[in-house]
Amino acid sequence: MKIVFASGASNQADYDTSTKTLTVTVDNTAPQLASDIKAAIDAHTVDGSAPSAALFSATEGNADASFDINDGIDSLNTGVTGGQVLKDDVVFELVGSNGSESFNFKGNSSGAQIAAAINLSSDATGVTATYSKTDNKLTFNSSEYGSDALVSVNIISEGSTGTFKSSLSTTRDVGSDIVARVNGIQADGKG
């Protein structure tokens, strides 16, 4: 996510979902206090409209610090693209070789948070998860091998703007047993 400071007639903030940019407009008629800028961020809009729930809040470091937008304020980049979090709430059942667990994640949960929660229940399900920030990929893995291995994700509910279900490459995958030839003799392995 990128944060851009702009000069304007009043303090306000708007998040653009297509560019993943929070534009904070700072009143250019007089220097502004940090508390004034915080209030604008806390009251932000999303794509020009009031959101049903706040996406961000600001933390006052020094509420009495004064900023003059005419002197310039550097833009910031959080390193989070906005594509690395859930767009809406999702509830799903994760089934593995050992059993199943239901998970409930709120919108804006990160891939790393989802992987961590799944790994906390890996003994109960037989499923672990890894998250790659580089390619924004959440991967489910069975702790079993061969035809005993199973990973299934059943979506129970997802918010209307959610993309978790549509982002899954498959909702169920099972392992397969090995068949090989060793010195001309067929060898089979299970599990």
C-alpha atoms as a PDB file:
ATOM      1  CA  MET A   1       0.000   0.000   0.000  1.00  0.00           C
ATOM      2  CA  LYS A   2       1.240   3.450  -0.838  1.00  0.00           C
ATOM      3  CA  ILE A   3       0.474   6.576   1.189  1.00  0.00           C
ATOM      4  CA  VAL A   4       0.585   9.867  -0.694  1.00  0.00           C
ATOM      5  CA  PHE A   5       0.274  13.321   0.863  1.00  0.00           C
ATOM      6  CA  ALA A   6      -1.383  16.007  -1.248  1.00  0.00           C
ATOM      7  CA  SER A   7      -2.132  19.689  -0.777  1.00  0.00           C
ATOM      8  CA  GLY A   8      -5.770  20.795  -0.608  1.00  0.00           C
ATOM      9  CA  ALA A   9      -8.379  23.008   0.994  1.00  0.00           C
ATOM     10  CA  SER A  10      -9.118  20.662   3.911  1.00  0.00           C
ATOM     11  CA  ASN A  11      -7.819  17.583   5.707  1.00  0.00           C
ATOM     12  CA  GLN A  12      -9.219  14.352   4.297  1.00  0.00           C
ATOM     13  CA  ALA A  13      -8.125  10.863   3.296  1.00  0.00           C
ATOM     14  CA  ASP A  14      -9.342   8.489   0.593  1.00  0.00           C
ATOM     15  CA  TYR A  15      -8.217   4.948  -0.232  1.00  0.00           C
ATOM     16  CA  ASP A  16      -8.218   3.946  -3.922  1.00  0.00           C
ATOM     17  CA  THR A  17      -8.761   0.175  -4.106  1.00  0.00           C
ATOM     18  CA  SER A  18      -7.556  -0.115  -7.708  1.00  0.00           C
ATOM     19  CA  THR A  19      -4.155   1.495  -7.077  1.00  0.00           C
ATOM     20  CA  LYS A  20      -3.905   0.470  -3.385  1.00  0.00           C
ATOM     21  CA  THR A  21      -3.114   4.087  -2.504  1.00  0.00           C
ATOM     22  CA  LEU A  22      -4.215   6.099   0.523  1.00  0.00           C
ATOM     23  CA  THR A  23      -4.180   9.764  -0.466  1.00  0.00           C
ATOM     24  CA  VAL A  24      -4.055  12.063   2.555  1.00  0.00           C
ATOM     25  CA  THR A  25      -4.999  15.599   1.580  1.00  0.00           C
ATOM     26  CA  VAL A  26      -3.601  18.164   4.024  1.00  0.00           C
ATOM     27  CA  ASP A  27      -5.071  21.654   4.449  1.00  0.00           C
ATOM     28  CA  ASN A  28      -2.664  24.064   2.741  1.00  0.00           C
ATOM     29  CA  THR A  29      -4.025  27.257   4.317  1.00  0.00           C
ATOM     30  CA  ALA A  30      -2.046  26.823   7.549  1.00  0.00           C
ATOM     31  CA  PRO A  31       0.283  24.339   9.244  1.00  0.00           C
ATOM     32  CA  GLN A  32      -1.646  21.321  10.568  1.00  0.00           C
ATOM     33  CA  LEU A  33      -1.197  19.377  13.798  1.00  0.00           C
ATOM     34  CA  ALA A  34      -0.491  15.648  13.699  1.00  0.00           C
ATOM     35  CA  SER A  35      -3.776  15.135  15.563  1.00  0.00           C
ATOM     36  CA  ASP A  36      -5.635  16.866  12.674  1.00  0.00           C
ATOM     37  CA  ILE A  37      -4.011  14.581  10.101  1.00  0.00           C
ATOM     38  CA  LYS A  38      -4.757  11.551  12.309  1.00  0.00           C
ATOM     39  CA  ALA A  39      -8.429  12.552  12.453  1.00  0.00           C
ATOM     40  CA  ALA A  40      -8.551  12.770   8.641  1.00  0.00           C
ATOM     41  CA  ILE A  41      -7.008   9.297   8.266  1.00  0.00           C
ATOM     42  CA  ASP A  42      -9.339   7.815  10.884  1.00  0.00           C
ATOM     43  CA  ALA A  43     -12.344   9.271   8.990  1.00  0.00           C
ATOM     44  CA  HIS A  44     -11.104   8.067   5.568  1.00  0.00           C
ATOM     45  CA  THR A  45     -13.296   7.154   2.632  1.00  0.00           C
ATOM     46  CA  VAL A  46     -12.816   4.249   0.229  1.00  0.00           C
ATOM     47  CA  ASP A  47     -13.147   5.069  -3.469  1.00  0.00           C
ATOM     48  CA  GLY A  48     -14.911   8.282  -2.449  1.00  0.00           C
ATOM     49  CA  SER A  49     -17.538   6.634  -0.219  1.00  0.00           C
ATOM     50  CA  ALA A  50     -17.747   5.959   3.496  1.00  0.00           C
ATOM     51  CA  PRO A  51     -16.733   2.330   4.184  1.00  0.00           C
ATOM     52  CA  SER A  52     -18.922   0.013   6.279  1.00  0.00           C
ATOM     53  CA  ALA A  53     -15.905  -0.506   8.543  1.00  0.00           C
ATOM     54  CA  ALA A  54     -12.675   1.458   8.838  1.00  0.00           C
ATOM     55  CA  LEU A  55      -9.727   0.018   6.911  1.00  0.00           C
ATOM     56  CA  PHE A  56      -7.079   2.011   8.785  1.00  0.00           C
ATOM     57  CA  SER A  57      -6.453   4.073  11.844  1.00  0.00           C
ATOM     58  CA  ALA A  58      -3.570   6.381  12.588  1.00  0.00           C
ATOM     59  CA  THR A  59      -1.427   6.505  15.702  1.00  0.00           C
ATOM     60  CA  GLU A  60      -0.480   9.859  17.136  1.00  0.00           C
ATOM     61  CA  GLY A  61       3.199   9.995  17.851  1.00  0.00           C
ATOM     62  CA  ASN A  62       3.391  13.641  18.812  1.00  0.00           C
ATOM     63  CA  ALA A  63      -0.078  15.189  18.581  1.00  0.00           C
ATOM     64  CA  ASP A  64       1.367  18.702  18.819  1.00  0.00           C
ATOM     65  CA  ALA A  65       3.808  18.256  15.920  1.00  0.00           C
ATOM     66  CA  SER A  66       3.028  20.733  13.167  1.00  0.00           C
ATOM     67  CA  PHE A  67       3.193  20.038   9.423  1.00  0.00           C
ATOM     68  CA  ASP A  68       3.040  22.539   6.592  1.00  0.00           C
ATOM     69  CA  ILE A  69       2.070  20.756   3.373  1.00  0.00           C
ATOM     70  CA  ASN A  70       3.584  23.643   1.434  1.00  0.00           C
ATOM     71  CA  ASP A  71       6.995  22.489   2.748  1.00  0.00           C
ATOM     72  CA  GLY A  72       6.238  19.006   1.399  1.00  0.00           C
ATOM     73  CA  ILE A  73       5.688  15.695   3.158  1.00  0.00           C
ATOM     74  CA  ASP A  74       7.284  12.603   1.656  1.00  0.00           C
ATOM     75  CA  SER A  75       5.046   9.814   0.363  1.00  0.00           C
ATOM     76  CA  LEU A  76       5.287   6.466   2.126  1.00  0.00           C
ATOM     77  CA  ASN A  77       5.097   2.858   1.037  1.00  0.00           C
ATOM     78  CA  THR A  78       4.117   0.195   3.566  1.00  0.00           C
ATOM     79  CA  GLY A  79       5.405  -2.643   1.409  1.00  0.00           C
ATOM     80  CA  VAL A  80       1.955  -4.242   1.480  1.00  0.00           C
ATOM     81  CA  THR A  81       0.342  -4.251  -1.943  1.00  0.00           C
ATOM     82  CA  GLY A  82      -3.202  -4.551  -0.744  1.00  0.00           C
ATOM     83  CA  GLY A  83      -3.443  -7.775  -2.710  1.00  0.00           C
ATOM     84  CA  GLN A  84      -1.853  -9.596   0.196  1.00  0.00           C
ATOM     85  CA  VAL A  85      -4.930  -9.482   2.415  1.00  0.00           C
ATOM     86  CA  LEU A  86      -8.462 -10.864   2.246  1.00  0.00           C
ATOM     87  CA  LYS A  87     -10.869  -8.500   0.536  1.00  0.00           C
ATOM     88  CA  ASP A  88     -13.795  -9.721   2.672  1.00  0.00           C
ATOM     89  CA  ASP A  89     -14.646 -12.123   5.487  1.00  0.00           C
ATOM     90  CA  VAL A  90     -14.392 -15.856   4.761  1.00  0.00           C
ATOM     91  CA  VAL A  91     -15.332 -19.012   6.682  1.00  0.00           C
ATOM     92  CA  PHE A  92     -14.038 -22.343   5.413  1.00  0.00           C
ATOM     93  CA  GLU A  93     -13.607 -25.933   6.518  1.00  0.00           C
ATOM     94  CA  LEU A  94     -10.144 -27.407   6.026  1.00  0.00           C
ATOM     95  CA  VAL A  95     -10.106 -31.201   5.722  1.00  0.00           C
ATOM     96  CA  GLY A  96      -6.965 -33.299   5.932  1.00  0.00           C
ATOM     97  CA  SER A  97      -5.983 -36.898   6.602  1.00  0.00           C
ATOM     98  CA  ASN A  98      -6.327 -36.450  10.387  1.00  0.00           C
ATOM     99  CA  GLY A  99      -9.658 -34.581  10.476  1.00  0.00           C
ATOM    100  CA  SER A 100     -11.174 -31.189   9.835  1.00  0.00           C
ATOM    101  CA  GLU A 101     -11.290 -27.701  11.341  1.00  0.00           C
ATOM    102  CA  SER A 102     -13.336 -24.611  10.530  1.00  0.00           C
ATOM    103  CA  PHE A 103     -11.588 -21.271  10.149  1.00  0.00           C
ATOM    104  CA  ASN A 104     -13.126 -17.796  10.241  1.00  0.00           C
ATOM    105  CA  PHE A 105     -11.051 -14.883   8.940  1.00  0.00           C
ATOM    106  CA  LYS A 106     -12.071 -11.238   8.763  1.00  0.00           C
ATOM    107  CA  GLY A 107     -11.407  -9.068   5.730  1.00  0.00           C
ATOM    108  CA  ASN A 108      -7.868  -7.630   5.728  1.00  0.00           C
ATOM    109  CA  SER A 109      -6.409 -10.795   7.303  1.00  0.00           C
ATOM    110  CA  SER A 110      -3.015 -11.442   5.728  1.00  0.00           C
ATOM    111  CA  GLY A 111      -1.791 -14.604   4.044  1.00  0.00           C
ATOM    112  CA  ALA A 112       0.804 -14.985   6.801  1.00  0.00           C
ATOM    113  CA  GLN A 113      -1.935 -14.809   9.470  1.00  0.00           C
ATOM    114  CA  ILE A 114      -3.996 -17.454   7.663  1.00  0.00           C
ATOM    115  CA  ALA A 115      -0.980 -19.781   7.347  1.00  0.00           C
ATOM    116  CA  ALA A 116      -0.121 -19.316  11.040  1.00  0.00           C
ATOM    117  CA  ALA A 117      -3.675 -20.187  12.137  1.00  0.00           C
ATOM    118  CA  ILE A 118      -3.761 -23.286   9.933  1.00  0.00           C
ATOM    119  CA  ASN A 119      -0.383 -24.425  11.275  1.00  0.00           C
ATOM    120  CA  LEU A 120      -1.661 -24.104  14.865  1.00  0.00           C
ATOM    121  CA  SER A 121      -4.286 -26.753  14.015  1.00  0.00           C
ATOM    122  CA  SER A 122      -2.067 -28.960  11.852  1.00  0.00           C
ATOM    123  CA  ASP A 123      -2.117 -31.839  14.380  1.00  0.00           C
ATOM    124  CA  ALA A 124      -5.921 -31.959  14.165  1.00  0.00           C
ATOM    125  CA  THR A 125      -6.111 -31.733  10.363  1.00  0.00           C
ATOM    126  CA  GLY A 126      -2.875 -33.134   8.992  1.00  0.00           C
ATOM    127  CA  VAL A 127      -2.576 -29.986   6.866  1.00  0.00           C
ATOM    128  CA  THR A 128       0.098 -27.303   7.055  1.00  0.00           C
ATOM    129  CA  ALA A 129       0.249 -24.016   5.173  1.00  0.00           C
ATOM    130  CA  THR A 130       3.027 -21.815   3.849  1.00  0.00           C
ATOM    131  CA  TYR A 131       2.744 -18.247   2.658  1.00  0.00           C
ATOM    132  CA  SER A 132       5.136 -16.667   0.167  1.00  0.00           C
ATOM    133  CA  LYS A 133       5.138 -12.883   0.332  1.00  0.00           C
ATOM    134  CA  THR A 134       7.208 -12.781  -2.867  1.00  0.00           C
ATOM    135  CA  ASP A 135       4.463 -14.182  -5.087  1.00  0.00           C
ATOM    136  CA  ASN A 136       1.545 -13.688  -2.655  1.00  0.00           C
ATOM    137  CA  LYS A 137       0.837 -17.422  -2.615  1.00  0.00           C
ATOM    138  CA  LEU A 138      -0.797 -19.437   0.167  1.00  0.00           C
ATOM    139  CA  THR A 139      -0.063 -23.164  -0.203  1.00  0.00           C
ATOM    140  CA  PHE A 140      -1.756 -26.006   1.697  1.00  0.00           C
ATOM    141  CA  ASN A 141       0.291 -29.199   2.219  1.00  0.00           C
ATOM    142  CA  SER A 142      -0.648 -32.590   3.606  1.00  0.00           C
ATOM    143  CA  SER A 143       1.571 -34.044   6.320  1.00  0.00           C
ATOM    144  CA  GLU A 144       0.794 -37.516   4.907  1.00  0.00           C
ATOM    145  CA  TYR A 145       2.155 -39.092   1.718  1.00  0.00           C
ATOM    146  CA  GLY A 146       0.714 -41.159  -1.119  1.00  0.00           C
ATOM    147  CA  SER A 147      -2.981 -41.985  -1.377  1.00  0.00           C
ATOM    148  CA  ASP A 148      -3.319 -41.298   2.368  1.00  0.00           C
ATOM    149  CA  ALA A 149      -2.666 -37.601   1.706  1.00  0.00           C
ATOM    150  CA  LEU A 150      -5.679 -35.298   1.431  1.00  0.00           C
ATOM    151  CA  VAL A 151      -6.281 -31.553   1.442  1.00  0.00           C
ATOM    152  CA  SER A 152      -9.761 -30.162   0.906  1.00  0.00           C
ATOM    153  CA  VAL A 153     -11.030 -26.590   1.358  1.00  0.00           C
ATOM    154  CA  ASN A 154     -14.808 -26.204   1.630  1.00  0.00           C
ATOM    155  CA  ILE A 155     -15.998 -22.592   1.592  1.00  0.00           C
ATOM    156  CA  ILE A 156     -18.833 -22.177   4.096  1.00  0.00           C
ATOM    157  CA  SER A 157     -19.375 -18.456   3.506  1.00  0.00           C
ATOM    158  CA  GLU A 158     -17.573 -15.534   1.940  1.00  0.00           C
ATOM    159  CA  GLY A 159     -18.414 -11.833   1.784  1.00  0.00           C
ATOM    160  CA  SER A 160     -19.691 -10.446  -1.511  1.00  0.00           C
ATOM    161  CA  THR A 161     -16.367  -8.770  -2.371  1.00  0.00           C
ATOM    162  CA  GLY A 162     -14.252 -11.746  -1.328  1.00  0.00           C
ATOM    163  CA  THR A 163     -11.975 -13.567  -3.773  1.00  0.00           C
ATOM    164  CA  PHE A 164     -10.621 -16.366  -1.567  1.00  0.00           C
ATOM    165  CA  LYS A 165     -12.731 -19.098  -3.209  1.00  0.00           C
ATOM    166  CA  SER A 166     -12.102 -17.891  -6.760  1.00  0.00           C
ATOM    167  CA  SER A 167      -8.355 -17.692  -6.044  1.00  0.00           C
ATOM    168  CA  LEU A 168      -8.059 -21.379  -5.131  1.00  0.00           C
ATOM    169  CA  SER A 169      -6.420 -23.450  -7.880  1.00  0.00           C
ATOM    170  CA  THR A 170      -8.459 -26.437  -6.660  1.00  0.00           C
ATOM    171  CA  THR A 171     -10.659 -27.170  -3.649  1.00  0.00           C
ATOM    172  CA  ARG A 172      -9.564 -30.803  -3.195  1.00  0.00           C
ATOM    173  CA  ASP A 173      -6.370 -32.720  -3.877  1.00  0.00           C
ATOM    174  CA  VAL A 174      -5.311 -36.234  -2.937  1.00  0.00           C
ATOM    175  CA  GLY A 175      -1.923 -37.870  -3.136  1.00  0.00           C
ATOM    176  CA  SER A 176      -0.996 -40.899  -5.184  1.00  0.00           C
ATOM    177  CA  ASP A 177       1.040 -43.968  -4.371  1.00  0.00           C
ATOM    178  CA  ILE A 178       4.400 -44.572  -6.009  1.00  0.00           C
ATOM    179  CA  VAL A 179       4.951 -47.208  -8.661  1.00  0.00           C
ATOM    180  CA  ALA A 180       8.539 -47.749  -9.806  1.00  0.00           C
ATOM    181  CA  ARG A 181      10.823 -50.320 -11.358  1.00  0.00           C
ATOM    182  CA  VAL A 182      13.931 -51.223  -9.390  1.00  0.00           C
ATOM    183  CA  ASN A 183      16.424 -53.438 -11.264  1.00  0.00           C
ATOM    184  CA  GLY A 184      13.594 -54.510 -13.595  1.00  0.00           C
ATOM    185  CA  ILE A 185      11.243 -55.469 -10.778  1.00  0.00           C
ATOM    186  CA  GLN A 186       8.077 -53.445 -10.220  1.00  0.00           C
ATOM    187  CA  ALA A 187       7.878 -51.934  -6.747  1.00  0.00           C
ATOM    188  CA  ASP A 188       4.754 -50.336  -5.291  1.00  0.00           C
ATOM    189  CA  GLY A 189       4.622 -48.021  -2.312  1.00  0.00           C
ATOM    190  CA  LYS A 190       1.633 -46.830  -0.300  1.00  0.00           C
ATOM    191  CA  GLY A 191       1.381 -43.865   1.985  1.00  0.00           C
END
